[in-house]
C-alpha atoms as a PDB file:
ATOM      1  CA  UNK A   1       0.019  17.739   8.655  1.00  0.00           C
ATOM      2  CA  UNK A   2      -1.790  21.003   8.481  1.00  0.00           C
ATOM      3  CA  UNK A   3      -2.283  21.033   4.652  1.00  0.00           C
ATOM      4  CA  UNK A   4      -3.899  17.673   4.746  1.00  0.00           C
ATOM      5  CA  UNK A   5      -6.214  18.656   7.670  1.00  0.00           C
ATOM      6  CA  UNK A   6      -6.996  21.899   5.858  1.00  0.00           C
ATOM      7  CA  UNK A   7      -7.996  20.064   2.729  1.00  0.00           C
ATOM      8  CA  UNK A   8     -10.089  17.558   4.553  1.00  0.00           C
ATOM      9  CA  UNK A   9     -11.835  20.266   6.505  1.00  0.00           C
ATOM     10  CA  UNK A  10     -12.567  22.355   3.397  1.00  0.00           C
ATOM     11  CA  UNK A  11     -13.748  19.332   1.459  1.00  0.00           C
ATOM     12  CA  UNK A  12     -16.129  18.250   4.220  1.00  0.00           C
ATOM     13  CA  UNK A  13     -17.347  21.813   4.626  1.00  0.00           C
ATOM     14  CA  UNK A  14     -18.074  22.184   0.892  1.00  0.00           C
ATOM     15  CA  UNK A  15     -19.798  18.820   0.669  1.00  0.00           C
ATOM     16  CA  UNK A  16     -21.878  19.623   3.691  1.00  0.00           C
ATOM     17  CA  UNK A  17     -22.907  23.062   2.490  1.00  0.00           C
ATOM     18  CA  UNK A  18     -23.872  21.739  -0.963  1.00  0.00           C
ATOM     19  CA  UNK A  19     -25.839  18.889   0.723  1.00  0.00           C
ATOM     20  CA  UNK A  20     -27.782  21.353   2.877  1.00  0.00           C
ATOM     21  CA  UNK A  21     -28.548  23.589  -0.065  1.00  0.00           C
ATOM     22  CA  UNK A  22     -29.677  20.604  -2.068  1.00  0.00           C
ATOM     23  CA  UNK A  23     -31.828  19.283   0.790  1.00  0.00           C
ATOM     24  CA  UNK A  24     -33.491  22.691   1.299  1.00  0.00           C
ATOM     25  CA  UNK A  25     -34.127  23.137  -2.485  1.00  0.00           C
ATOM     26  CA  UNK A  26     -31.982  26.270  -2.547  1.00  0.00           C
ATOM     27  CA  UNK A  27     -29.594  24.735  -5.137  1.00  0.00           C
ATOM     28  CA  UNK A  28     -29.838  21.544  -7.108  1.00  0.00           C
ATOM     29  CA  UNK A  29     -26.452  20.156  -6.316  1.00  0.00           C
ATOM     30  CA  UNK A  30     -27.224  16.493  -6.163  1.00  0.00           C
ATOM     31  CA  UNK A  31     -26.027  15.690  -9.618  1.00  0.00           C
ATOM     32  CA  UNK A  32     -22.827  17.842  -9.157  1.00  0.00           C
ATOM     33  CA  UNK A  33     -22.000  15.963  -5.932  1.00  0.00           C
ATOM     34  CA  UNK A  34     -22.703  12.560  -7.448  1.00  0.00           C
ATOM     35  CA  UNK A  35     -20.399  13.180 -10.407  1.00  0.00           C
ATOM     36  CA  UNK A  36     -17.587  15.211  -8.934  1.00  0.00           C
ATOM     37  CA  UNK A  37     -17.038  14.067  -5.357  1.00  0.00           C
ATOM     38  CA  UNK A  38     -13.935  11.950  -6.325  1.00  0.00           C
ATOM     39  CA  UNK A  39     -12.119  15.273  -6.997  1.00  0.00           C
ATOM     40  CA  UNK A  40     -11.917  15.579  -3.180  1.00  0.00           C
ATOM     41  CA  UNK A  41     -10.055  12.204  -3.065  1.00  0.00           C
ATOM     42  CA  UNK A  42      -7.615  13.284  -5.796  1.00  0.00           C
ATOM     43  CA  UNK A  43      -6.999  16.543  -4.033  1.00  0.00           C
ATOM     44  CA  UNK A  44      -6.347  14.778  -0.758  1.00  0.00           C
ATOM     45  CA  UNK A  45      -3.687  12.590  -2.299  1.00  0.00           C
ATOM     46  CA  UNK A  46      -1.952  15.509  -4.026  1.00  0.00           C
ATOM     47  CA  UNK A  47      -2.127  17.588  -0.885  1.00  0.00           C
ATOM     48  CA  UNK A  48      -0.459  14.794   1.042  1.00  0.00           C
ATOM     49  CA  UNK A  49       2.390  14.593  -1.437  1.00  0.00           C
ATOM     50  CA  UNK A  50       2.859  18.375  -1.265  1.00  0.00           C
ATOM     51  CA  UNK A  51       2.838  18.257   2.539  1.00  0.00           C
ATOM     52  CA  UNK A  52       5.412  15.440   2.568  1.00  0.00           C
ATOM     53  CA  UNK A  53       7.467  17.116  -0.228  1.00  0.00           C
ATOM     54  CA  UNK A  54       7.903  13.834  -1.940  1.00  0.00           C
ATOM     55  CA  UNK A  55       6.044  11.067  -3.731  1.00  0.00           C
ATOM     56  CA  UNK A  56       5.148   8.139  -1.566  1.00  0.00           C
ATOM     57  CA  UNK A  57       3.033   5.021  -2.083  1.00  0.00           C
ATOM     58  CA  UNK A  58      -0.001   5.903   0.068  1.00  0.00           C
ATOM     59  CA  UNK A  59      -0.911   9.333  -1.498  1.00  0.00           C
ATOM     60  CA  UNK A  60      -0.134   7.970  -5.024  1.00  0.00           C
ATOM     61  CA  UNK A  61      -2.528   5.085  -4.425  1.00  0.00           C
ATOM     62  CA  UNK A  62      -5.234   7.437  -3.143  1.00  0.00           C
ATOM     63  CA  UNK A  63      -4.738   9.892  -6.099  1.00  0.00           C
ATOM     64  CA  UNK A  64      -4.958   7.139  -8.742  1.00  0.00           C
ATOM     65  CA  UNK A  65      -8.001   5.614  -6.996  1.00  0.00           C
ATOM     66  CA  UNK A  66      -9.702   9.046  -6.933  1.00  0.00           C
ATOM     67  CA  UNK A  67      -8.930   9.474 -10.673  1.00  0.00           C
ATOM     68  CA  UNK A  68     -10.445   6.088 -11.394  1.00  0.00           C
ATOM     69  CA  UNK A  69     -13.579   6.873  -9.335  1.00  0.00           C
ATOM     70  CA  UNK A  70     -13.899  10.190 -11.165  1.00  0.00           C
ATOM     71  CA  UNK A  71     -13.603   8.474 -14.611  1.00  0.00           C
ATOM     72  CA  UNK A  72     -16.315   6.029 -13.591  1.00  0.00           C
ATOM     73  CA  UNK A  73     -18.631   8.728 -12.242  1.00  0.00           C
ATOM     74  CA  UNK A  74     -18.146  10.755 -15.484  1.00  0.00           C
ATOM     75  CA  UNK A  75     -18.810   7.626 -17.711  1.00  0.00           C
ATOM     76  CA  UNK A  76     -15.295   8.096 -19.287  1.00  0.00           C
ATOM     77  CA  UNK A  77     -14.920   4.295 -19.057  1.00  0.00           C
ATOM     78  CA  UNK A  78     -17.154   1.711 -20.689  1.00  0.00           C
ATOM     79  CA  UNK A  79     -17.000  -0.774 -17.811  1.00  0.00           C
ATOM     80  CA  UNK A  80     -16.256  -0.971 -14.131  1.00  0.00           C
ATOM     81  CA  UNK A  81     -12.591  -0.146 -13.708  1.00  0.00           C
ATOM     82  CA  UNK A  82     -12.440   0.406  -9.942  1.00  0.00           C
ATOM     83  CA  UNK A  83     -11.699  -3.130  -8.757  1.00  0.00           C
ATOM     84  CA  UNK A  84      -9.250  -3.962 -11.621  1.00  0.00           C
ATOM     85  CA  UNK A  85      -7.413  -0.734 -10.763  1.00  0.00           C
ATOM     86  CA  UNK A  86      -7.277  -1.673  -7.043  1.00  0.00           C
ATOM     87  CA  UNK A  87      -5.793  -4.978  -8.012  1.00  0.00           C
ATOM     88  CA  UNK A  88      -3.194  -3.308 -10.162  1.00  0.00           C
ATOM     89  CA  UNK A  89      -2.280  -0.866  -7.333  1.00  0.00           C
ATOM     90  CA  UNK A  90      -1.971  -3.703  -4.806  1.00  0.00           C
ATOM     91  CA  UNK A  91       0.154  -5.689  -7.227  1.00  0.00           C
ATOM     92  CA  UNK A  92       2.494  -2.767  -7.756  1.00  0.00           C
ATOM     93  CA  UNK A  93       2.750  -2.249  -3.961  1.00  0.00           C
ATOM     94  CA  UNK A  94       3.745  -5.848  -3.516  1.00  0.00           C
ATOM     95  CA  UNK A  95       6.419  -5.622  -6.206  1.00  0.00           C
ATOM     96  CA  UNK A  96       7.696  -2.347  -4.803  1.00  0.00           C
ATOM     97  CA  UNK A  97       7.848  -3.976  -1.372  1.00  0.00           C
ATOM     98  CA  UNK A  98       9.974  -6.847  -2.804  1.00  0.00           C
ATOM     99  CA  UNK A  99      12.331  -4.446  -4.483  1.00  0.00           C
ATOM    100  CA  UNK A 100      12.766  -2.225  -1.480  1.00  0.00           C
ATOM    101  CA  UNK A 101      13.557  -5.356   0.708  1.00  0.00           C
ATOM    102  CA  UNK A 102      16.820  -5.888  -1.298  1.00  0.00           C
ATOM    103  CA  UNK A 103      18.357  -2.526  -0.354  1.00  0.00           C
ATOM    104  CA  UNK A 104      22.100  -2.513   0.450  1.00  0.00           C
ATOM    105  CA  UNK A 105      22.121   0.673   2.472  1.00  0.00           C
ATOM    106  CA  UNK A 106      22.691  -0.341   6.113  1.00  0.00           C
ATOM    107  CA  UNK A 107      21.042   2.768   7.492  1.00  0.00           C
ATOM    108  CA  UNK A 108      17.913   2.506   5.354  1.00  0.00           C
ATOM    109  CA  UNK A 109      15.901  -0.569   6.278  1.00  0.00           C
ATOM    110  CA  UNK A 110      13.127  -1.827   3.942  1.00  0.00           C
ATOM    111  CA  UNK A 111      10.520  -4.258   5.047  1.00  0.00           C
ATOM    112  CA  UNK A 112       8.319  -6.303   2.709  1.00  0.00           C
ATOM    113  CA  UNK A 113       4.601  -5.590   2.119  1.00  0.00           C
ATOM    114  CA  UNK A 114       2.344  -7.757   4.171  1.00  0.00           C
ATOM    115  CA  UNK A 115      -0.837  -9.097   2.435  1.00  0.00           C
ATOM    116  CA  UNK A 116      -3.677 -11.220   3.788  1.00  0.00           C
ATOM    117  CA  UNK A 117      -1.802 -12.218   6.915  1.00  0.00           C
ATOM    118  CA  UNK A 118       0.393 -10.920   9.733  1.00  0.00           C
ATOM    119  CA  UNK A 119       4.031 -10.633  10.462  1.00  0.00           C
ATOM    120  CA  UNK A 120       6.456  -9.024  12.932  1.00  0.00           C
ATOM    121  CA  UNK A 121       9.749  -7.471  11.815  1.00  0.00           C
ATOM    122  CA  UNK A 122      12.458  -6.770  14.447  1.00  0.00           C
ATOM    123  CA  UNK A 123      14.963  -4.138  13.526  1.00  0.00           C
ATOM    124  CA  UNK A 124      18.290  -3.906  15.322  1.00  0.00           C
ATOM    125  CA  UNK A 125      20.104  -1.286  13.252  1.00  0.00           C
ATOM    126  CA  UNK A 126      22.777   0.659  15.149  1.00  0.00           C
ATOM    127  CA  UNK A 127      22.307   3.871  13.084  1.00  0.00           C
ATOM    128  CA  UNK A 128      18.681   3.791  11.889  1.00  0.00           C
ATOM    129  CA  UNK A 129      17.711   6.602   9.541  1.00  0.00           C
ATOM    130  CA  UNK A 130      14.752   5.393   7.572  1.00  0.00           C
ATOM    131  CA  UNK A 131      12.500   2.385   7.242  1.00  0.00           C
ATOM    132  CA  UNK A 132       9.051   1.511   6.092  1.00  0.00           C
ATOM    133  CA  UNK A 133       6.251  -0.943   6.771  1.00  0.00           C
ATOM    134  CA  UNK A 134       3.134  -1.749   4.837  1.00  0.00           C
ATOM    135  CA  UNK A 135       0.080  -3.843   5.453  1.00  0.00           C
ATOM    136  CA  UNK A 136      -2.584  -4.642   2.795  1.00  0.00           C
ATOM    137  CA  UNK A 137      -5.546  -6.683   3.964  1.00  0.00           C
ATOM    138  CA  UNK A 138      -3.396  -7.814   6.868  1.00  0.00           C
ATOM    139  CA  UNK A 139      -1.410  -6.752   9.890  1.00  0.00           C
ATOM    140  CA  UNK A 140       2.241  -5.803  10.211  1.00  0.00           C
ATOM    141  CA  UNK A 141       4.277  -5.034  13.360  1.00  0.00           C
ATOM    142  CA  UNK A 142       7.617  -3.192  13.032  1.00  0.00           C
ATOM    143  CA  UNK A 143       9.582  -3.691  16.298  1.00  0.00           C
ATOM    144  CA  UNK A 144      12.233  -0.932  16.755  1.00  0.00           C
ATOM    145  CA  UNK A 145      12.860  -1.457  20.415  1.00  0.00           C
ATOM    146  CA  UNK A 146      16.376  -2.837  19.838  1.00  0.00           C
ATOM    147  CA  UNK A 147      17.351  -0.286  17.150  1.00  0.00           C
ATOM    148  CA  UNK A 148      19.380   2.878  17.787  1.00  0.00           C
ATOM    149  CA  UNK A 149      18.835   6.385  16.413  1.00  0.00           C
ATOM    150  CA  UNK A 150      21.766   8.845  16.398  1.00  0.00           C
ATOM    151  CA  UNK A 151      19.526  11.967  16.360  1.00  0.00           C
ATOM    152  CA  UNK A 152      16.454  11.281  14.211  1.00  0.00           C
ATOM    153  CA  UNK A 153      14.865   8.713  11.942  1.00  0.00           C
ATOM    154  CA  UNK A 154      11.786   8.311   9.804  1.00  0.00           C
ATOM    155  CA  UNK A 155       9.279   5.505   9.374  1.00  0.00           C
ATOM    156  CA  UNK A 156       6.793   5.454   6.458  1.00  0.00           C
ATOM    157  CA  UNK A 157       3.810   3.445   7.506  1.00  0.00           C
ATOM    158  CA  UNK A 158       1.131   2.421   4.974  1.00  0.00           C
ATOM    159  CA  UNK A 159      -2.111   0.538   5.933  1.00  0.00           C
ATOM    160  CA  UNK A 160      -4.645  -0.293   3.186  1.00  0.00           C
ATOM    161  CA  UNK A 161      -7.576  -2.324   4.594  1.00  0.00           C
ATOM    162  CA  UNK A 162      -5.131  -3.491   7.327  1.00  0.00           C
ATOM    163  CA  UNK A 163      -3.247  -2.425  10.383  1.00  0.00           C
ATOM    164  CA  UNK A 164       0.263  -1.369  11.218  1.00  0.00           C
ATOM    165  CA  UNK A 165       1.876  -1.318  14.662  1.00  0.00           C
ATOM    166  CA  UNK A 166       5.185   0.396  15.278  1.00  0.00           C
ATOM    167  CA  UNK A 167       6.914  -0.431  18.547  1.00  0.00           C
ATOM    168  CA  UNK A 168       9.528   1.992  19.941  1.00  0.00           C
ATOM    169  CA  UNK A 169      11.651   2.208  23.119  1.00  0.00           C
ATOM    170  CA  UNK A 170      10.472   4.640  25.942  1.00  0.00           C
ATOM    171  CA  UNK A 171      13.514   6.826  25.443  1.00  0.00           C
ATOM    172  CA  UNK A 172      12.459   8.019  22.023  1.00  0.00           C
ATOM    173  CA  UNK A 173      10.340  11.057  21.141  1.00  0.00           C
ATOM    174  CA  UNK A 174       7.653  10.380  18.579  1.00  0.00           C
ATOM    175  CA  UNK A 175       6.194  12.711  15.959  1.00  0.00           C
ATOM    176  CA  UNK A 176       3.176  11.074  14.284  1.00  0.00           C
ATOM    177  CA  UNK A 177       1.298  12.513  11.356  1.00  0.00           C
ATOM    178  CA  UNK A 178       0.055  11.695   7.912  1.00  0.00           C
ATOM    179  CA  UNK A 179      -2.999  10.928   5.807  1.00  0.00           C
ATOM    180  CA  UNK A 180      -6.061   9.147   7.284  1.00  0.00           C
ATOM    181  CA  UNK A 181      -8.760   8.341   4.766  1.00  0.00           C
ATOM    182  CA  UNK A 182     -11.611   6.369   6.298  1.00  0.00           C
ATOM    183  CA  UNK A 183      -8.949   5.202   8.819  1.00  0.00           C
ATOM    184  CA  UNK A 184      -6.769   6.628  11.508  1.00  0.00           C
ATOM    185  CA  UNK A 185      -3.568   6.631  13.417  1.00  0.00           C
ATOM    186  CA  UNK A 186      -2.794   6.836  17.106  1.00  0.00           C
ATOM    187  CA  UNK A 187       0.214   7.574  19.302  1.00  0.00           C
ATOM    188  CA  UNK A 188       0.047   5.332  22.436  1.00  0.00           C
ATOM    189  CA  UNK A 189       3.627   5.905  23.670  1.00  0.00           C
ATOM    190  CA  UNK A 190       4.147   7.106  27.200  1.00  0.00           C
ATOM    191  CA  UNK A 191       6.422   9.708  28.735  1.00  0.00           C
ATOM    192  CA  UNK A 192       6.852  11.682  25.529  1.00  0.00           C
ATOM    193  CA  UNK A 193       6.505  15.051  27.263  1.00  0.00           C
ATOM    194  CA  UNK A 194       8.996  14.073  30.073  1.00  0.00           C
ATOM    195  CA  UNK A 195      11.821  13.361  27.632  1.00  0.00           C
ATOM    196  CA  UNK A 196      14.643  15.897  27.103  1.00  0.00           C
ATOM    197  CA  UNK A 197      14.576  17.887  23.846  1.00  0.00           C
ATOM    198  CA  UNK A 198      17.709  16.189  22.574  1.00  0.00           C
ATOM    199  CA  UNK A 199      16.192  12.652  22.886  1.00  0.00           C
ATOM    200  CA  UNK A 200      16.155  10.658  19.602  1.00  0.00           C
ATOM    201  CA  UNK A 201      13.267  11.656  17.454  1.00  0.00           C
ATOM    202  CA  UNK A 202      11.289   9.202  15.348  1.00  0.00           C
ATOM    203  CA  UNK A 203       8.961  10.732  12.740  1.00  0.00           C
ATOM    204  CA  UNK A 204       6.243   8.327  11.621  1.00  0.00           C
ATOM    205  CA  UNK A 205       4.462   9.322   8.300  1.00  0.00           C
ATOM    206  CA  UNK A 206       1.368   7.328   8.386  1.00  0.00           C
ATOM    207  CA  UNK A 207      -1.005   6.666   5.548  1.00  0.00           C
ATOM    208  CA  UNK A 208      -4.176   4.819   6.684  1.00  0.00           C
ATOM    209  CA  UNK A 209      -6.768   3.991   3.945  1.00  0.00           C
ATOM    210  CA  UNK A 210      -9.603   2.054   5.430  1.00  0.00           C
ATOM    211  CA  UNK A 211      -7.029   0.941   8.017  1.00  0.00           C
ATOM    212  CA  UNK A 212      -5.043   2.039  11.109  1.00  0.00           C
ATOM    213  CA  UNK A 213      -1.498   2.878  12.171  1.00  0.00           C
ATOM    214  CA  UNK A 214      -0.525   2.726  15.808  1.00  0.00           C
ATOM    215  CA  UNK A 215       2.727   3.645  17.607  1.00  0.00           C
ATOM    216  CA  UNK A 216       3.299   2.114  21.020  1.00  0.00           C
ATOM    217  CA  UNK A 217       5.957   1.132  23.539  1.00  0.00           C
ATOM    218  CA  UNK A 218       4.587  -2.322  24.050  1.00  0.00           C
ATOM    219  CA  UNK A 219       2.670  -4.740  21.763  1.00  0.00           C
ATOM    220  CA  UNK A 220      -1.006  -5.259  22.145  1.00  0.00           C
ATOM    221  CA  UNK A 221      -2.019  -7.797  24.773  1.00  0.00           C
END
């Protein structure tokens, strides 16, 4: 996503320039950086939502966390609210995952949120359109190798201090993008460039916060 990359690049550039100016005594920016750096985290979350043109769990978590960090740096809160807020966000993610799992739409598959453990979900939908997978302090594998896409489908992958693996058949094209924050995502599928332009397209929107999202044709050995 170009807006997200642009924001990350500009934020890093600004922080680097201010750091250099502070180190060379050209500008006393140490206090400004110490108090206002969470604004970059808030902006990253908002930029991700603008780029996706919708509100999703990962960017919302990042935005709220940035706001809490900013409140703490500005002494707007009397105590340490970071960890309690993280617990609240994780709790809401778990409840949201349980609610999504009860969907009745046959073309929209919802998987539960994985916490402090590992699980593999195999999806065999004949007309897959959208699904999601989340891992918080754990690992989750979404196996789509027996599913069918008419033309295109979307996967929302969210990894918070955990890892997500999405397995796809070799006949699918994959478009992977999203929001990495102290984490990353990787497309390890093979033959993507050799596929015809009308091959089924799977778009993976990855949010990796201190975690990782990987798309592959085969599971890890």
